Amino acid sequence: MVSEFSAFVATYCSRLPWLENWYIDGEQRPLTLQVRSKTRLALPLFPRLDHINLFNVCFSTFSDFARIIGSFPRLRDLRIFQVSTQRGRVLEPKDARRLDALRLNRISVR
C-alpha cells in the first residue's frame, strides 16, 4: 500500500488542486501508511486540503504521523479513529496536545 499511496500523491498532487477532504480507511485490518521523503514533499501541493479522516491506519512512529499531518498548510479538521504506530501504540486524545502547532480548528481522536 505504501507504493500505491505514494503513486497517488505523485500522480494527483498537481491534478487535484481543489481536493479538500481525504478519507483513508484501512477497513478490516490496519492500513500501514509510510510516506517516503519525496512523497512528503509533494503533500503541500494539495493547497485546499483542510479535512483529513483516518480510520484504522498505522504509521511508523508518532513523529512520522505528525510530519505527514503537518505537511498540509490549510489543514483545519483532523479526525482519527483507531490510528496506531507500528510498535502497537494507539493514538489517544492526550496526543492531540502534541499537534497544537498545526493550528487545527478541530481534532477528534477515538
Protein backbone atom coordinates (compact mmCIF):
# COMPACT_ATOMS: atom_id res chain seq x y z
CA MET A 1 0.00 0.00 0.00
CA VAL A 2 2.93 2.32 0.55
CA SER A 3 3.75 2.42 -3.14
CA GLU A 4 0.07 2.88 -4.04
CA PHE A 5 -0.31 5.87 -1.72
CA SER A 6 2.97 7.37 -2.94
CA ALA A 7 1.87 6.83 -6.54
CA PHE A 8 -1.46 8.54 -5.82
CA VAL A 9 0.28 11.56 -4.32
CA ALA A 10 2.82 11.79 -7.14
CA THR A 11 0.15 11.44 -9.82
CA TYR A 12 -2.55 13.70 -8.43
CA CYS A 13 -0.81 16.41 -6.39
CA SER A 14 -0.84 18.78 -9.36
CA ARG A 15 -4.07 17.46 -10.91
CA LEU A 16 -6.36 17.82 -7.90
CA PRO A 17 -5.64 21.30 -6.51
CA TRP A 18 -9.29 21.61 -5.45
CA LEU A 19 -9.20 18.47 -3.26
CA GLU A 20 -10.46 19.47 0.21
CA ASN A 21 -11.06 16.20 2.07
CA TRP A 22 -9.14 12.93 2.41
CA TYR A 23 -10.80 9.84 3.81
CA ILE A 24 -8.38 6.96 4.28
CA ASP A 25 -9.80 3.73 5.71
CA GLY A 26 -7.90 0.52 6.47
CA GLU A 27 -11.21 -1.39 6.65
CA GLN A 28 -10.78 -4.85 8.22
CA ARG A 29 -7.06 -4.64 9.02
CA PRO A 30 -4.84 -1.64 9.72
CA LEU A 31 -3.53 0.10 6.63
CA THR A 32 0.18 0.82 7.05
CA LEU A 33 0.91 4.28 5.73
CA GLN A 34 4.60 5.03 5.34
CA VAL A 35 5.38 8.05 3.25
CA ARG A 36 8.80 8.48 1.74
CA SER A 37 10.53 11.88 1.82
CA LYS A 38 9.87 12.57 -1.85
CA THR A 39 6.16 11.92 -1.38
CA ARG A 40 6.03 14.03 1.78
CA LEU A 41 7.45 16.97 -0.20
CA ALA A 42 4.52 16.70 -2.63
CA LEU A 43 1.84 16.77 0.08
CA PRO A 44 1.73 20.60 0.37
CA LEU A 45 0.78 20.63 -3.32
CA PHE A 46 -2.77 19.85 -2.24
CA PRO A 47 -3.38 23.52 -1.39
CA ARG A 48 -7.06 23.27 -0.42
CA LEU A 49 -6.93 20.11 1.66
CA ASP A 50 -8.42 21.11 5.01
CA HIS A 51 -10.08 17.90 6.31
CA ILE A 52 -8.41 14.53 6.90
CA ASN A 53 -10.23 11.46 8.20
CA LEU A 54 -8.09 8.43 9.09
CA PHE A 55 -9.68 5.14 10.13
CA ASN A 56 -7.71 2.03 11.08
CA VAL A 57 -4.40 3.41 9.82
CA CYS A 58 -0.91 2.58 11.09
CA PHE A 59 2.13 4.91 10.90
CA SER A 60 5.79 4.04 11.52
CA THR A 61 6.03 6.40 14.51
CA PHE A 62 4.09 9.26 16.05
CA SER A 63 6.72 11.64 14.64
CA ASP A 64 6.08 10.30 11.13
CA PHE A 65 2.34 10.80 11.63
CA ALA A 66 2.90 14.39 12.86
CA ARG A 67 5.21 15.22 9.92
CA ILE A 68 2.69 13.94 7.39
CA ILE A 69 -0.23 15.76 9.00
CA GLY A 70 1.89 18.91 9.32
CA SER A 71 2.58 18.85 5.57
CA PHE A 72 -0.84 20.27 4.74
CA PRO A 73 -0.77 24.06 5.15
CA ARG A 74 -4.56 24.55 5.28
CA LEU A 75 -5.49 21.54 7.41
CA ARG A 76 -8.11 22.60 9.97
CA ASP A 77 -10.05 19.43 10.81
CA LEU A 78 -8.39 16.12 11.72
CA ARG A 79 -10.40 13.05 12.71
CA ILE A 80 -8.56 9.89 13.64
CA PHE A 81 -10.09 6.61 14.74
CA GLN A 82 -8.02 3.53 15.58
CA VAL A 83 -4.79 5.11 14.39
CA SER A 84 -1.65 3.47 15.71
CA THR A 85 2.09 3.17 15.26
CA GLN A 86 3.97 0.06 14.14
CA ARG A 87 5.01 -0.55 17.73
CA GLY A 88 1.35 -1.08 18.56
CA ARG A 89 0.80 2.26 20.27
CA VAL A 90 -2.72 3.56 19.64
CA LEU A 91 -3.06 7.33 19.40
CA GLU A 92 -5.14 8.75 22.23
CA PRO A 93 -6.86 12.10 22.92
CA LYS A 94 -3.86 13.22 25.03
CA ASP A 95 -1.73 13.03 21.86
CA ALA A 96 -3.77 15.88 20.37
CA ARG A 97 -1.82 18.31 22.58
CA ARG A 98 1.33 17.42 20.66
CA LEU A 99 -0.35 18.71 17.48
CA ASP A 100 -1.15 22.20 18.83
CA ALA A 101 1.34 23.87 16.49
CA LEU A 102 -0.76 22.83 13.49
CA ARG A 103 -3.46 25.45 14.17
CA LEU A 104 -6.31 22.99 13.72
CA ASN A 105 -9.86 24.09 14.46
CA ARG A 106 -10.87 20.58 15.48
CA ILE A 107 -9.12 17.37 16.40
CA SER A 108 -11.12 14.24 17.08
CA VAL A 109 -9.26 11.20 18.43
CA ARG A 110 -11.00 7.90 19.22
